[in-house]
Protein backbone atom coordinates (compact mmCIF):
# COMPACT_ATOMS: atom_id res chain seq x y z
CA MET A 1 95.35 -9.20 59.87
CA THR A 2 96.16 -8.59 63.49
CA ASN A 3 99.36 -6.75 64.62
CA PRO A 4 102.17 -9.40 64.67
CA ALA A 5 102.87 -10.81 68.00
CA ILE A 6 106.18 -10.13 69.71
CA TYR A 7 107.98 -13.21 70.98
CA PRO A 8 110.51 -12.36 73.41
CA ALA A 9 113.26 -15.00 73.63
CA ILE A 10 114.70 -16.97 76.56
CA ASP A 11 117.72 -19.11 75.59
CA LEU A 12 118.82 -21.49 78.44
CA ILE A 13 122.08 -23.19 79.38
CA GLY A 14 122.49 -24.75 82.72
CA GLY A 15 119.10 -23.21 83.95
CA LYS A 16 120.30 -19.68 82.98
CA CYS A 17 119.46 -17.12 80.56
CA VAL A 18 121.92 -16.83 77.85
CA ARG A 19 122.58 -15.18 74.24
CA LEU A 20 124.89 -16.80 71.66
CA PHE A 21 126.41 -14.83 68.70
CA LYS A 22 125.43 -16.53 65.32
CA GLY A 23 124.73 -19.69 67.42
CA ASP A 24 128.18 -19.98 68.59
CA PHE A 25 128.43 -21.61 71.94
CA SER A 26 131.84 -20.31 72.50
CA GLN A 27 130.52 -16.87 71.92
CA ARG A 28 127.89 -16.72 74.85
CA THR A 29 126.71 -14.00 77.15
CA ASP A 30 125.28 -14.98 80.49
CA TYR A 31 122.58 -12.71 82.09
CA ASP A 32 122.01 -12.53 85.90
CA ILE A 33 118.13 -12.76 85.97
CA SER A 34 116.49 -15.99 86.47
CA PRO A 35 114.73 -17.22 83.69
CA LEU A 36 111.16 -17.27 85.52
CA ASP A 37 111.74 -13.53 86.60
CA MET A 38 112.71 -12.75 83.08
CA ALA A 39 109.47 -14.35 81.70
CA LYS A 40 107.39 -12.49 84.17
CA SER A 41 109.00 -9.03 83.34
CA PHE A 42 107.92 -10.00 79.66
CA ALA A 43 104.43 -10.65 80.90
CA GLN A 44 104.46 -7.22 82.83
CA ALA A 45 105.53 -5.48 79.59
CA GLY A 46 102.60 -6.77 77.60
CA ALA A 47 103.65 -9.93 76.12
CA GLU A 48 101.43 -12.90 75.34
CA TRP A 49 104.18 -15.36 74.41
CA VAL A 50 107.54 -16.29 75.11
CA HIS A 51 109.94 -18.28 72.99
CA ILE A 52 112.15 -20.68 75.04
CA VAL A 53 115.05 -22.70 73.60
CA ASP A 54 116.81 -25.47 75.46
CA LEU A 55 120.26 -24.89 74.07
CA ASP A 56 121.73 -27.95 76.22
CA GLY A 57 119.02 -29.95 74.65
CA ALA A 58 119.76 -28.67 71.13
CA LYS A 59 123.45 -29.53 71.45
CA SER A 60 122.99 -32.86 73.01
CA GLU A 61 119.77 -33.68 71.09
CA LYS A 62 118.39 -34.69 74.29
CA THR A 63 115.85 -32.25 76.21
CA GLN A 64 117.38 -31.34 79.58
CA GLN A 65 115.45 -28.46 80.91
CA ALA A 66 111.71 -29.47 80.77
CA ASP A 67 110.96 -28.88 84.55
CA LEU A 68 112.33 -25.26 84.30
CA ILE A 69 110.28 -24.72 80.98
CA THR A 70 107.09 -26.00 82.48
CA GLU A 71 107.58 -24.02 85.77
CA ILE A 72 107.97 -20.87 83.40
CA ALA A 73 104.64 -21.90 81.66
CA LYS A 74 102.86 -22.47 84.94
CA HIS A 75 103.95 -19.21 86.86
CA SER A 76 104.78 -16.28 84.14
CA GLY A 77 101.44 -15.84 82.91
CA LEU A 78 102.68 -16.39 79.17
CA LYS A 79 102.00 -18.83 76.51
CA VAL A 80 105.06 -20.76 76.01
CA GLN A 81 106.74 -22.05 72.82
CA THR A 82 109.51 -24.20 73.21
CA GLY A 83 112.31 -26.30 71.50
CA GLY A 84 115.59 -27.98 71.78
CA GLY A 85 116.68 -31.63 71.71
CA LEU A 86 113.01 -32.94 71.38
CA ARG A 87 113.38 -36.49 70.05
CA GLU A 88 110.45 -38.43 71.39
CA LEU A 89 106.85 -38.19 71.38
CA SER A 90 106.74 -38.75 75.31
CA GLN A 91 109.06 -35.72 75.75
CA ILE A 92 106.47 -33.65 73.80
CA GLN A 93 103.58 -35.01 75.44
CA ARG A 94 105.28 -34.17 78.80
CA LEU A 95 105.67 -30.55 78.00
CA PHE A 96 102.07 -30.29 76.82
CA ASP A 97 101.06 -31.75 80.01
CA GLY A 98 103.06 -29.32 81.78
CA GLY A 99 101.17 -26.31 80.30
CA ILE A 100 103.26 -25.61 77.06
CA GLU A 101 101.18 -24.36 74.33
CA ARG A 102 103.33 -25.08 71.19
CA VAL A 103 106.58 -27.08 70.62
CA VAL A 104 109.25 -26.07 68.08
CA ILE A 105 111.04 -28.70 66.03
CA GLY A 106 114.23 -27.66 64.31
CA SER A 107 116.76 -29.95 62.34
CA LEU A 108 114.84 -33.03 62.90
CA ALA A 109 111.94 -31.66 60.73
CA VAL A 110 114.53 -31.81 57.82
CA SER A 111 116.64 -35.12 58.71
CA ASN A 112 113.69 -37.22 59.74
CA PRO A 113 110.41 -35.67 58.27
CA ALA A 114 108.47 -39.05 58.54
CA THR A 115 108.94 -38.95 62.37
CA VAL A 116 107.89 -35.26 62.79
CA LYS A 117 104.74 -35.82 60.54
CA TYR A 118 103.76 -38.66 62.66
CA TRP A 119 103.80 -36.51 65.79
CA ILE A 120 101.94 -33.86 63.94
CA SER A 121 99.19 -36.47 63.02
CA GLU A 122 99.15 -37.61 66.44
CA LEU A 123 99.00 -34.31 68.45
CA GLY A 124 97.60 -31.65 65.76
CA PRO A 125 99.16 -29.26 63.47
CA ASP A 126 98.44 -26.34 65.60
CA LYS A 127 100.86 -27.85 68.40
CA PHE A 128 103.97 -27.50 66.22
CA THR A 129 106.18 -24.90 64.63
CA LEU A 130 108.86 -25.91 62.28
CA ALA A 131 112.06 -24.12 63.13
CA LEU A 132 114.28 -23.65 60.11
CA ASP A 133 117.53 -21.99 60.65
CA ILE A 134 118.72 -20.96 57.11
CA GLN A 135 121.94 -20.41 55.32
CA ILE A 136 121.90 -18.73 52.00
CA ASP A 137 124.12 -20.55 49.58
CA LYS A 138 126.27 -18.99 46.90
CA ASN A 139 123.36 -19.21 44.56
CA GLY A 140 121.18 -17.34 46.89
CA THR A 141 119.07 -20.45 47.71
CA PRO A 142 117.92 -20.63 51.33
CA ARG A 143 119.14 -23.92 52.86
CA PRO A 144 118.09 -25.32 56.33
CA ALA A 145 121.23 -25.89 58.66
CA LEU A 146 121.55 -29.18 60.57
CA ARG A 147 123.49 -30.37 63.61
CA GLY A 148 123.72 -27.20 65.48
CA TRP A 149 124.16 -24.93 62.30
CA GLN A 150 127.47 -26.82 61.29
CA ASP A 151 125.93 -28.53 58.31
CA ALA A 152 123.55 -27.35 55.31
CA SER A 153 120.73 -29.38 54.19
CA GLU A 154 120.89 -30.57 50.61
CA LYS A 155 117.10 -29.65 50.46
CA SER A 156 116.12 -25.98 49.83
CA LEU A 157 113.66 -24.22 52.22
CA TRP A 158 111.05 -24.63 49.63
CA GLN A 159 111.46 -28.22 49.22
CA VAL A 160 111.11 -28.54 52.95
CA LEU A 161 107.83 -26.36 53.33
CA ASP A 162 106.42 -28.16 50.25
CA ASP A 163 107.00 -31.71 51.96
CA TYR A 164 104.90 -30.60 54.87
CA SER A 165 102.12 -28.88 53.01
CA SER A 166 99.88 -32.16 53.53
CA THR A 167 100.17 -32.28 57.14
CA GLY A 168 98.13 -29.08 57.80
CA LEU A 169 101.02 -27.29 59.49
CA THR A 170 99.91 -23.82 60.49
CA SER A 171 103.48 -22.08 61.41
CA VAL A 172 106.92 -21.82 60.56
CA LEU A 173 109.83 -20.05 62.45
CA VAL A 174 112.73 -19.02 60.06
CA THR A 175 116.05 -17.40 61.14
CA ASP A 176 118.79 -16.46 58.73
CA ILE A 177 121.81 -17.60 60.66
CA ALA A 178 124.04 -14.68 59.41
CA LYS A 179 121.68 -12.30 61.03
CA ASP A 180 121.17 -14.14 64.51
CA GLY A 181 122.81 -12.28 67.58
CA VAL A 182 124.30 -9.52 65.39
CA LEU A 183 121.82 -6.77 65.83
CA GLN A 184 122.17 -5.57 62.23
CA GLY A 185 118.66 -5.99 60.74
CA SER A 186 116.62 -9.00 59.68
CA ASN A 187 116.60 -10.65 56.25
CA ILE A 188 113.62 -8.84 55.09
CA GLY A 189 113.88 -10.22 51.41
CA LEU A 190 113.74 -13.84 52.54
CA TYR A 191 110.69 -13.20 54.69
CA LYS A 192 109.03 -11.52 51.79
CA ASP A 193 109.56 -14.39 49.75
CA ILE A 194 108.09 -16.89 52.36
CA LEU A 195 105.06 -14.87 52.79
CA MET A 196 104.62 -14.69 49.18
CA LYS A 197 104.95 -18.32 48.39
CA TYR A 198 103.08 -19.48 51.50
CA PRO A 199 100.36 -17.09 52.49
CA SER A 200 98.50 -19.68 54.44
CA LEU A 201 101.45 -20.54 56.80
CA ASP A 202 101.82 -18.22 59.94
CA LEU A 203 105.48 -17.14 59.64
CA ILE A 204 107.60 -16.20 62.70
CA THR A 205 110.49 -14.19 62.01
CA SER A 206 113.89 -14.64 64.00
CA GLY A 207 117.16 -13.26 64.04
CA GLY A 208 118.66 -9.68 63.59
CA VAL A 209 116.57 -7.45 65.19
CA GLY A 210 118.81 -4.40 66.75
CA THR A 211 116.59 -1.37 66.68
CA ILE A 212 112.96 -0.33 66.77
CA LYS A 213 113.08 0.42 63.12
CA ASP A 214 114.04 -3.21 62.47
CA VAL A 215 110.98 -4.04 64.43
CA GLU A 216 108.84 -1.62 62.34
CA ASP A 217 110.14 -3.18 59.03
CA LEU A 218 109.26 -6.58 60.01
CA LYS A 219 105.78 -5.56 61.44
CA ALA A 220 105.29 -3.81 57.98
CA LEU A 221 105.48 -7.26 56.30
CA LYS A 222 102.70 -8.45 58.56
CA PRO A 223 104.08 -11.76 59.66
CA HIS A 224 102.43 -13.85 62.49
CA GLY A 225 105.16 -13.13 64.89
CA ILE A 226 108.52 -11.49 65.63
CA ILE A 227 111.11 -13.12 67.98
CA ILE A 228 113.32 -10.69 69.76
CA GLY A 229 116.25 -11.83 71.87
CA LYS A 230 119.54 -10.09 72.33
CA ALA A 231 118.17 -6.47 71.57
CA LEU A 232 116.05 -6.73 74.90
CA TYR A 233 118.82 -8.23 77.03
CA GLU A 234 121.15 -5.62 75.68
CA ASN A 235 118.67 -2.70 76.39
CA LYS A 236 118.41 -1.41 72.86
CA PHE A 237 114.78 -0.90 73.32
CA THR A 238 111.95 -2.09 75.70
CA LEU A 239 109.63 -4.81 75.09
CA ALA A 240 106.94 -2.43 75.61
CA GLN A 241 108.22 -0.21 72.85
CA ALA A 242 108.42 -3.24 70.56
CA ILE A 243 104.95 -4.33 71.19
CA SER A 244 103.42 -0.88 70.71
CA CYS A 245 105.50 0.45 67.76
């Protein structure tokens, strides 16, 4: 298996790079660099991909920053996967027409699987990543969170993934909400379980990376990709270090 790809992250609010703490919009840090310049710096450091989230879109359930995201796709030199507020096939097609490589579908994949399965059948399974943000319930069962992490699904992560097995889906992005933006390590046990149960899925990990050792621990699992956000913005280590470790 090839070395896991590092996906540096750009979260957008109002056209600016931001980071949230545990997904809380009231606990937000803004960064001065423009999103396009940030993406270009990622490319210069050796990244091939960038993971972009339209947080305005995610909050309002209506994509709001497609123009900026397609500008990044056209001028950064990176392959872009992006999500946030995508609710219409026309919105998704517009992103692909603008040079986006792959779209990320979050809570809608849980709340309206019929629609998402239709999109996959229309555009192809390799064009989609399901982004499942997980809360671990008191019994230790991972459950996707809905509505901006405010509600937990009645379905388990395993039920959701099983439901998409017939679509040919190739990749899934999983975040443990309790780890996101905290910089204290990832949920290694959860990722081991996913890789064991679904060896044919390309797993992209997200949340918790705070040190190079965290990156090394994730790479040892051999996922398809590792998303890193806040640690890069807070200069815990460089993107080049993460790629080469």
